[in-house]
Every structure is written in C-alpha cells, then in structure tokens.
PDB file of N, CA and C in Angstrom:
ATOM      1  N   MET A   1      60.513  10.536 171.700  1.00  0.00           N
ATOM      2  CA  MET A   1      59.824  11.670 171.137  1.00  0.00           C
ATOM      3  C   MET A   1      60.788  12.849 171.118  1.00  0.00           C
ATOM      4  N   ASP A   2      60.878  13.496 169.976  1.00  0.00           N
ATOM      5  CA  ASP A   2      61.780  14.644 169.839  1.00  0.00           C
ATOM      6  C   ASP A   2      61.171  15.887 170.484  1.00  0.00           C
ATOM      7  N   LYS A   3      62.013  16.643 171.173  1.00  0.00           N
ATOM      8  CA  LYS A   3      61.597  17.915 171.761  1.00  0.00           C
ATOM      9  C   LYS A   3      62.243  19.028 170.949  1.00  0.00           C
ATOM     10  N   ILE A   4      61.429  20.012 170.596  1.00  0.00           N
ATOM     11  CA  ILE A   4      61.957  21.168 169.878  1.00  0.00           C
ATOM     12  C   ILE A   4      61.571  22.432 170.625  1.00  0.00           C
ATOM     13  N   THR A   5      62.409  23.431 170.489  1.00  0.00           N
ATOM     14  CA  THR A   5      62.170  24.711 171.135  1.00  0.00           C
ATOM     15  C   THR A   5      61.905  25.769 170.082  1.00  0.00           C
ATOM     16  N   PHE A   6      60.783  26.454 170.248  1.00  0.00           N
ATOM     17  CA  PHE A   6      60.440  27.559 169.358  1.00  0.00           C
ATOM     18  C   PHE A   6      60.789  28.858 170.062  1.00  0.00           C
ATOM     19  N   ASN A   7      61.290  29.804 169.282  1.00  0.00           N
ATOM     20  CA  ASN A   7      61.685  31.107 169.812  1.00  0.00           C
ATOM     21  C   ASN A   7      60.880  32.211 169.130  1.00  0.00           C
ATOM     22  N   PRO A   8      59.614  32.394 169.553  1.00  0.00           N
ATOM     23  CA  PRO A   8      58.808  33.459 168.947  1.00  0.00           C
ATOM     24  C   PRO A   8      59.412  34.831 169.236  1.00  0.00           C
ATOM     25  N   GLU A   9      59.358  35.707 168.244  1.00  0.00           N
ATOM     26  CA  GLU A   9      59.916  37.057 168.427  1.00  0.00           C
ATOM     27  C   GLU A   9      59.203  37.770 169.564  1.00  0.00           C
ATOM     28  N   GLY A  10      59.995  38.313 170.473  1.00  0.00           N
ATOM     29  CA  GLY A  10      59.463  39.094 171.572  1.00  0.00           C
ATOM     30  C   GLY A  10      58.820  38.275 172.682  1.00  0.00           C
ATOM     31  N   GLU A  11      58.933  36.946 172.619  1.00  0.00           N
ATOM     32  CA  GLU A  11      58.337  36.089 173.639  1.00  0.00           C
ATOM     33  C   GLU A  11      59.369  35.096 174.164  1.00  0.00           C
ATOM     34  N   ALA A  12      59.035  34.474 175.274  1.00  0.00           N
ATOM     35  CA  ALA A  12      59.920  33.460 175.857  1.00  0.00           C
ATOM     36  C   ALA A  12      59.901  32.197 174.998  1.00  0.00           C
ATOM     37  N   PRO A  13      61.009  31.454 174.961  1.00  0.00           N
ATOM     38  CA  PRO A  13      61.038  30.186 174.218  1.00  0.00           C
ATOM     39  C   PRO A  13      59.973  29.214 174.724  1.00  0.00           C
ATOM     40  N   VAL A  14      59.451  28.398 173.796  1.00  0.00           N
ATOM     41  CA  VAL A  14      58.405  27.430 174.116  1.00  0.00           C
ATOM     42  C   VAL A  14      58.853  26.054 173.625  1.00  0.00           C
ATOM     43  N   ASP A  15      58.762  25.045 174.502  1.00  0.00           N
ATOM     44  CA  ASP A  15      59.116  23.677 174.130  1.00  0.00           C
ATOM     45  C   ASP A  15      57.883  22.912 173.684  1.00  0.00           C
ATOM     46  N   PHE A  16      58.037  22.128 172.619  1.00  0.00           N
ATOM     47  CA  PHE A  16      56.994  21.236 172.141  1.00  0.00           C
ATOM     48  C   PHE A  16      57.610  19.874 171.863  1.00  0.00           C
ATOM     49  N   TYR A  17      56.768  18.854 171.880  1.00  0.00           N
ATOM     50  CA  TYR A  17      57.178  17.485 171.569  1.00  0.00           C
ATOM     51  C   TYR A  17      56.542  17.082 170.241  1.00  0.00           C
ATOM     52  N   VAL A  18      57.351  16.592 169.335  1.00  0.00           N
ATOM     53  CA  VAL A  18      56.878  16.233 168.001  1.00  0.00           C
ATOM     54  C   VAL A  18      56.290  14.827 168.042  1.00  0.00           C
ATOM     55  N   LEU A  19      54.996  14.742 167.731  1.00  0.00           N
ATOM     56  CA  LEU A  19      54.315  13.452 167.684  1.00  0.00           C
ATOM     57  C   LEU A  19      54.485  12.776 166.328  1.00  0.00           C
ATOM     58  N   GLU A  20      54.431  13.585 165.258  1.00  0.00           N
ATOM     59  CA  GLU A  20      54.525  13.030 163.904  1.00  0.00           C
ATOM     60  C   GLU A  20      54.812  14.160 162.938  1.00  0.00           C
ATOM     61  N   GLN A  21      55.285  13.801 161.762  1.00  0.00           N
ATOM     62  CA  GLN A  21      55.496  14.783 160.697  1.00  0.00           C
ATOM     63  C   GLN A  21      55.100  14.166 159.378  1.00  0.00           C
ATOM     64  N   THR A  22      54.722  15.023 158.430  1.00  0.00           N
ATOM     65  CA  THR A  22      54.343  14.550 157.104  1.00  0.00           C
ATOM     66  C   THR A  22      54.594  15.662 156.094  1.00  0.00           C
ATOM     67  N   LYS A  23      54.590  15.284 154.843  1.00  0.00           N
ATOM     68  CA  LYS A  23      54.757  16.246 153.758  1.00  0.00           C
ATOM     69  C   LYS A  23      53.565  16.083 152.821  1.00  0.00           C
ATOM     70  N   ILE A  24      52.843  17.169 152.587  1.00  0.00           N
ATOM     71  CA  ILE A  24      51.661  17.167 151.725  1.00  0.00           C
ATOM     72  C   ILE A  24      51.819  18.298 150.721  1.00  0.00           C
ATOM     73  N   GLY A  25      51.746  17.954 149.448  1.00  0.00           N
ATOM     74  CA  GLY A  25      51.861  18.985 148.418  1.00  0.00           C
ATOM     75  C   GLY A  25      53.158  19.757 148.489  1.00  0.00           C
ATOM     76  N   GLY A  26      54.225  19.088 148.914  1.00  0.00           N
ATOM     77  CA  GLY A  26      55.526  19.739 149.004  1.00  0.00           C
ATOM     78  C   GLY A  26      55.726  20.580 150.248  1.00  0.00           C
ATOM     79  N   ILE A  27      54.763  20.588 151.153  1.00  0.00           N
ATOM     80  CA  ILE A  27      54.843  21.379 152.383  1.00  0.00           C
ATOM     81  C   ILE A  27      54.994  20.437 153.567  1.00  0.00           C
ATOM     82  N   ASN A  28      55.955  20.738 154.437  1.00  0.00           N
ATOM     83  CA  ASN A  28      56.173  19.939 155.645  1.00  0.00           C
ATOM     84  C   ASN A  28      55.240  20.413 156.754  1.00  0.00           C
ATOM     85  N   TYR A  29      54.613  19.435 157.426  1.00  0.00           N
ATOM     86  CA  TYR A  29      53.752  19.703 158.572  1.00  0.00           C
ATOM     87  C   TYR A  29      54.248  18.870 159.737  1.00  0.00           C
ATOM     88  N   ILE A  30      54.127  19.412 160.954  1.00  0.00           N
ATOM     89  CA  ILE A  30      54.436  18.642 162.146  1.00  0.00           C
ATOM     90  C   ILE A  30      53.264  18.746 163.113  1.00  0.00           C
ATOM     91  N   LEU A  31      53.027  17.647 163.810  1.00  0.00           N
ATOM     92  CA  LEU A  31      52.025  17.598 164.872  1.00  0.00           C
ATOM     93  C   LEU A  31      52.787  17.642 166.179  1.00  0.00           C
ATOM     94  N   VAL A  32      52.523  18.655 166.988  1.00  0.00           N
ATOM     95  CA  VAL A  32      53.254  18.840 168.240  1.00  0.00           C
ATOM     96  C   VAL A  32      52.284  18.906 169.415  1.00  0.00           C
ATOM     97  N   THR A  33      52.820  18.612 170.597  1.00  0.00           N
ATOM     98  CA  THR A  33      52.045  18.726 171.828  1.00  0.00           C
ATOM     99  C   THR A  33      52.912  19.392 172.891  1.00  0.00           C
ATOM    100  N   ASP A  34      52.250  19.929 173.906  1.00  0.00           N
ATOM    101  CA  ASP A  34      52.995  20.628 174.953  1.00  0.00           C
ATOM    102  C   ASP A  34      53.394  19.717 176.112  1.00  0.00           C
ATOM    103  N   PHE A  35      52.903  18.447 176.122  1.00  0.00           N
ATOM    104  CA  PHE A  35      53.275  17.495 177.166  1.00  0.00           C
ATOM    105  C   PHE A  35      53.866  16.251 176.535  1.00  0.00           C
ATOM    106  N   GLU A  36      54.926  15.740 177.146  1.00  0.00           N
ATOM    107  CA  GLU A  36      55.587  14.553 176.607  1.00  0.00           C
ATOM    108  C   GLU A  36      54.703  13.312 176.740  1.00  0.00           C
ATOM    109  N   GLU A  37      53.942  13.218 177.831  1.00  0.00           N
ATOM    110  CA  GLU A  37      53.070  12.069 178.048  1.00  0.00           C
ATOM    111  C   GLU A  37      51.684  12.547 178.464  1.00  0.00           C
ATOM    112  N   GLY A  38      50.676  11.741 178.151  1.00  0.00           N
ATOM    113  CA  GLY A  38      49.308  12.064 178.536  1.00  0.00           C
ATOM    114  C   GLY A  38      48.664  13.013 177.544  1.00  0.00           C
ATOM    115  N   ASP A  39      47.481  13.475 177.912  1.00  0.00           N
ATOM    116  CA  ASP A  39      46.737  14.386 177.042  1.00  0.00           C
ATOM    117  C   ASP A  39      47.278  15.799 177.187  1.00  0.00           C
ATOM    118  N   GLY A  40      47.483  16.423 176.078  1.00  0.00           N
ATOM    119  CA  GLY A  40      47.967  17.795 176.085  1.00  0.00           C
ATOM    120  C   GLY A  40      47.368  18.555 174.925  1.00  0.00           C
ATOM    121  N   GLU A  41      47.682  19.793 174.839  1.00  0.00           N
ATOM    122  CA  GLU A  41      47.250  20.635 173.732  1.00  0.00           C
ATOM    123  C   GLU A  41      48.057  20.251 172.507  1.00  0.00           C
ATOM    124  N   ALA A  42      47.387  19.975 171.398  1.00  0.00           N
ATOM    125  CA  ALA A  42      48.077  19.610 170.158  1.00  0.00           C
ATOM    126  C   ALA A  42      47.903  20.715 169.133  1.00  0.00           C
ATOM    127  N   LEU A  43      48.943  20.929 168.361  1.00  0.00           N
ATOM    128  CA  LEU A  43      48.921  21.921 167.290  1.00  0.00           C
ATOM    129  C   LEU A  43      49.501  21.307 166.030  1.00  0.00           C
ATOM    130  N   ILE A  44      48.984  21.739 164.901  1.00  0.00           N
ATOM    131  CA  ILE A  44      49.577  21.368 163.623  1.00  0.00           C
ATOM    132  C   ILE A  44      50.299  22.600 163.113  1.00  0.00           C
ATOM    133  N   LEU A  45      51.584  22.440 162.842  1.00  0.00           N
ATOM    134  CA  LEU A  45      52.413  23.545 162.382  1.00  0.00           C
ATOM    135  C   LEU A  45      52.872  23.296 160.957  1.00  0.00           C
ATOM    136  N   LYS A  46      52.963  24.370 160.199  1.00  0.00           N
ATOM    137  CA  LYS A  46      53.331  24.337 158.785  1.00  0.00           C
ATOM    138  C   LYS A  46      54.697  25.002 158.627  1.00  0.00           C
ATOM    139  N   ASP A  47      55.590  24.339 157.905  1.00  0.00           N
ATOM    140  CA  ASP A  47      56.930  24.874 157.667  1.00  0.00           C
ATOM    141  C   ASP A  47      56.862  25.913 156.552  1.00  0.00           C
ATOM    142  N   LEU A  48      57.181  27.146 156.881  1.00  0.00           N
ATOM    143  CA  LEU A  48      57.137  28.243 155.915  1.00  0.00           C
ATOM    144  C   LEU A  48      58.505  28.580 155.337  1.00  0.00           C
ATOM    145  N   SER A  49      59.553  27.942 155.830  1.00  0.00           N
ATOM    146  CA  SER A  49      60.909  28.275 155.383  1.00  0.00           C
ATOM    147  C   SER A  49      61.221  27.607 154.047  1.00  0.00           C
ATOM    148  N   GLY A  50      62.129  28.183 153.341  1.00  0.00           N
ATOM    149  CA  GLY A  50      62.567  27.627 152.067  1.00  0.00           C
ATOM    150  C   GLY A  50      63.467  26.428 152.278  1.00  0.00           C
ATOM    151  N   GLU A  51      63.694  25.672 151.216  1.00  0.00           N
ATOM    152  CA  GLU A  51      64.508  24.464 151.314  1.00  0.00           C
ATOM    153  C   GLU A  51      65.946  24.747 151.732  1.00  0.00           C
ATOM    154  N   ASP A  52      66.476  25.900 151.369  1.00  0.00           N
ATOM    155  CA  ASP A  52      67.864  26.235 151.677  1.00  0.00           C
ATOM    156  C   ASP A  52      68.027  27.034 152.964  1.00  0.00           C
ATOM    157  N   ALA A  53      66.949  27.213 153.715  1.00  0.00           N
ATOM    158  CA  ALA A  53      67.000  28.020 154.933  1.00  0.00           C
ATOM    159  C   ALA A  53      67.812  27.313 156.013  1.00  0.00           C
ATOM    160  N   ALA A  54      68.569  28.085 156.768  1.00  0.00           N
ATOM    161  CA  ALA A  54      69.379  27.532 157.843  1.00  0.00           C
ATOM    162  C   ALA A  54      68.519  27.096 159.025  1.00  0.00           C
ATOM    163  N   GLU A  55      67.429  27.796 159.266  1.00  0.00           N
ATOM    164  CA  GLU A  55      66.512  27.476 160.346  1.00  0.00           C
ATOM    165  C   GLU A  55      65.097  27.383 159.796  1.00  0.00           C
ATOM    166  N   SER A  56      64.301  26.524 160.384  1.00  0.00           N
ATOM    167  CA  SER A  56      62.910  26.377 159.963  1.00  0.00           C
ATOM    168  C   SER A  56      62.049  27.451 160.604  1.00  0.00           C
ATOM    169  N   VAL A  57      61.052  27.900 159.861  1.00  0.00           N
ATOM    170  CA  VAL A  57      60.075  28.861 160.352  1.00  0.00           C
ATOM    171  C   VAL A  57      58.716  28.184 160.265  1.00  0.00           C
ATOM    172  N   TYR A  58      58.033  28.059 161.399  1.00  0.00           N
ATOM    173  CA  TYR A  58      56.744  27.375 161.453  1.00  0.00           C
ATOM    174  C   TYR A  58      55.643  28.343 161.848  1.00  0.00           C
ATOM    175  N   ALA A  59      54.443  28.068 161.332  1.00  0.00           N
ATOM    176  CA  ALA A  59      53.247  28.817 161.702  1.00  0.00           C
ATOM    177  C   ALA A  59      52.147  27.820 162.029  1.00  0.00           C
ATOM    178  N   ILE A  60      51.273  28.190 162.946  1.00  0.00           N
ATOM    179  CA  ILE A  60      50.140  27.344 163.294  1.00  0.00           C
ATOM    180  C   ILE A  60      49.165  27.326 162.122  1.00  0.00           C
ATOM    181  N   VAL A  61      48.732  26.127 161.731  1.00  0.00           N
ATOM    182  CA  VAL A  61      47.747  26.000 160.663  1.00  0.00           C
ATOM    183  C   VAL A  61      46.398  26.421 161.242  1.00  0.00           C
ATOM    184  N   SER A  62      45.813  27.464 160.681  1.00  0.00           N
ATOM    185  CA  SER A  62      44.550  27.976 161.223  1.00  0.00           C
ATOM    186  C   SER A  62      43.432  28.025 160.186  1.00  0.00           C
ATOM    187  N   GLU A  63      43.757  27.908 158.917  1.00  0.00           N
ATOM    188  CA  GLU A  63      42.741  27.906 157.864  1.00  0.00           C
ATOM    189  C   GLU A  63      41.974  26.589 157.945  1.00  0.00           C
ATOM    190  N   ASP A  64      40.651  26.657 158.098  1.00  0.00           N
ATOM    191  CA  ASP A  64      39.829  25.488 158.397  1.00  0.00           C
ATOM    192  C   ASP A  64      39.988  24.339 157.409  1.00  0.00           C
ATOM    193  N   GLU A  65      39.959  24.616 156.138  1.00  0.00           N
ATOM    194  CA  GLU A  65      40.037  23.549 155.133  1.00  0.00           C
ATOM    195  C   GLU A  65      41.389  22.840 155.189  1.00  0.00           C
ATOM    196  N   GLU A  66      42.461  23.610 155.280  1.00  0.00           N
ATOM    197  CA  GLU A  66      43.797  23.039 155.377  1.00  0.00           C
ATOM    198  C   GLU A  66      43.951  22.249 156.682  1.00  0.00           C
ATOM    199  N   LEU A  67      43.464  22.805 157.774  1.00  0.00           N
ATOM    200  CA  LEU A  67      43.559  22.156 159.076  1.00  0.00           C
ATOM    201  C   LEU A  67      42.825  20.815 159.078  1.00  0.00           C
ATOM    202  N   ASP A  68      41.613  20.778 158.531  1.00  0.00           N
ATOM    203  CA  ASP A  68      40.846  19.532 158.473  1.00  0.00           C
ATOM    204  C   ASP A  68      41.560  18.469 157.650  1.00  0.00           C
ATOM    205  N   ALA A  69      42.113  18.862 156.511  1.00  0.00           N
ATOM    206  CA  ALA A  69      42.790  17.912 155.626  1.00  0.00           C
ATOM    207  C   ALA A  69      44.042  17.332 156.285  1.00  0.00           C
ATOM    208  N   VAL A  70      44.850  18.177 156.879  1.00  0.00           N
ATOM    209  CA  VAL A  70      46.090  17.723 157.505  1.00  0.00           C
ATOM    210  C   VAL A  70      45.779  16.907 158.767  1.00  0.00           C
ATOM    211  N   ALA A  71      44.765  17.309 159.524  1.00  0.00           N
ATOM    212  CA  ALA A  71      44.369  16.566 160.720  1.00  0.00           C
ATOM    213  C   ALA A  71      43.957  15.144 160.356  1.00  0.00           C
ATOM    214  N   LYS A  72      43.235  14.977 159.258  1.00  0.00           N
ATOM    215  CA  LYS A  72      42.829  13.629 158.820  1.00  0.00           C
ATOM    216  C   LYS A  72      44.049  12.764 158.488  1.00  0.00           C
ATOM    217  N   VAL A  73      45.050  13.352 157.871  1.00  0.00           N
ATOM    218  CA  VAL A  73      46.278  12.610 157.565  1.00  0.00           C
ATOM    219  C   VAL A  73      46.943  12.141 158.856  1.00  0.00           C
ATOM    220  N   PHE A  74      47.057  13.036 159.837  1.00  0.00           N
ATOM    221  CA  PHE A  74      47.679  12.660 161.105  1.00  0.00           C
ATOM    222  C   PHE A  74      46.839  11.625 161.855  1.00  0.00           C
ATOM    223  N   GLU A  75      45.511  11.738 161.815  1.00  0.00           N
ATOM    224  CA  GLU A  75      44.658  10.740 162.464  1.00  0.00           C
ATOM    225  C   GLU A  75      44.879   9.364 161.854  1.00  0.00           C
ATOM    226  N   ASN A  76      45.056   9.302 160.530  1.00  0.00           N
ATOM    227  CA  ASN A  76      45.306   8.024 159.866  1.00  0.00           C
ATOM    228  C   ASN A  76      46.688   7.470 160.207  1.00  0.00           C
ATOM    229  N   MET A  77      47.644   8.350 160.444  1.00  0.00           N
ATOM    230  CA  MET A  77      49.009   7.918 160.753  1.00  0.00           C
ATOM    231  C   MET A  77      49.128   7.405 162.189  1.00  0.00           C
ATOM    232  N   LEU A  78      48.355   7.987 163.092  1.00  0.00           N
ATOM    233  CA  LEU A  78      48.445   7.656 164.515  1.00  0.00           C
ATOM    234  C   LEU A  78      47.113   7.088 165.000  1.00  0.00           C
ATOM    235  N   ASP A  79      47.134   5.868 165.462  1.00  0.00           N
ATOM    236  CA  ASP A  79      45.909   5.205 165.897  1.00  0.00           C
ATOM    237  C   ASP A  79      45.261   5.860 167.115  1.00  0.00           C
ATOM    238  N   ASP A  80      46.067   6.418 168.007  1.00  0.00           N
ATOM    239  CA  ASP A  80      45.537   6.928 169.275  1.00  0.00           C
ATOM    240  C   ASP A  80      45.308   8.435 169.291  1.00  0.00           C
ATOM    241  N   VAL A  81      45.268   9.069 168.113  1.00  0.00           N
ATOM    242  CA  VAL A  81      45.067  10.515 168.042  1.00  0.00           C
ATOM    243  C   VAL A  81      43.731  10.803 167.378  1.00  0.00           C
ATOM    244  N   GLU A  82      42.941  11.641 168.042  1.00  0.00           N
ATOM    245  CA  GLU A  82      41.680  12.085 167.471  1.00  0.00           C
ATOM    246  C   GLU A  82      41.533  13.574 167.733  1.00  0.00           C
ATOM    247  N   PHE A  83      41.258  14.327 166.685  1.00  0.00           N
ATOM    248  CA  PHE A  83      41.099  15.762 166.814  1.00  0.00           C
ATOM    249  C   PHE A  83      39.625  16.086 167.019  1.00  0.00           C
ATOM    250  N   VAL A  84      39.354  16.926 168.011  1.00  0.00           N
ATOM    251  CA  VAL A  84      37.971  17.330 168.287  1.00  0.00           C
ATOM    252  C   VAL A  84      37.826  18.819 168.199  1.00  0.00           C
TER     253      VAL A  84
END
C-alpha cells in the first residue's frame, strides 16, 4: 500500500495510505485511509491540479451527489470496502 504525505497550508503534514485510485470523467480520485491496516477513517480525494502540474493538489470530495457516485465505484472495485 502506498503512503503519501499531504502538506496542508498552515498545518502539520498528514500521512495517508492509498487504498485505490480511479479516473471518472477525466478527473482522478483516490481513496485514502489514515491506518495502514484495520478499520480507519476513509476519505475520497479529488485531484484539482492540471495535467502539467509539478505537484498534485487534492481536495476532499464533499458534494453529496459526487461523493455517492465515486463511493459506489470504489465499492465495486474493492470487495471489502463499504461506505456508511
């Protein structure tokens, strides 16, 4: 499992583990968790950076319709993941 570090402006770096990634409608999404093993907090992040960007910029998907659609894709990709 890949570990990535996010550096939010004005905050301490945060490590997440990437469970899966997908591209929908030309937009990259990643499913991340805060624990490498076991149950942890999961987030779906959306890549907001351009294709030529040197670094990726991610935001938490919070719009309900988008979140539901992307969550269903990840549930289908991973047998042991269920969003509640």
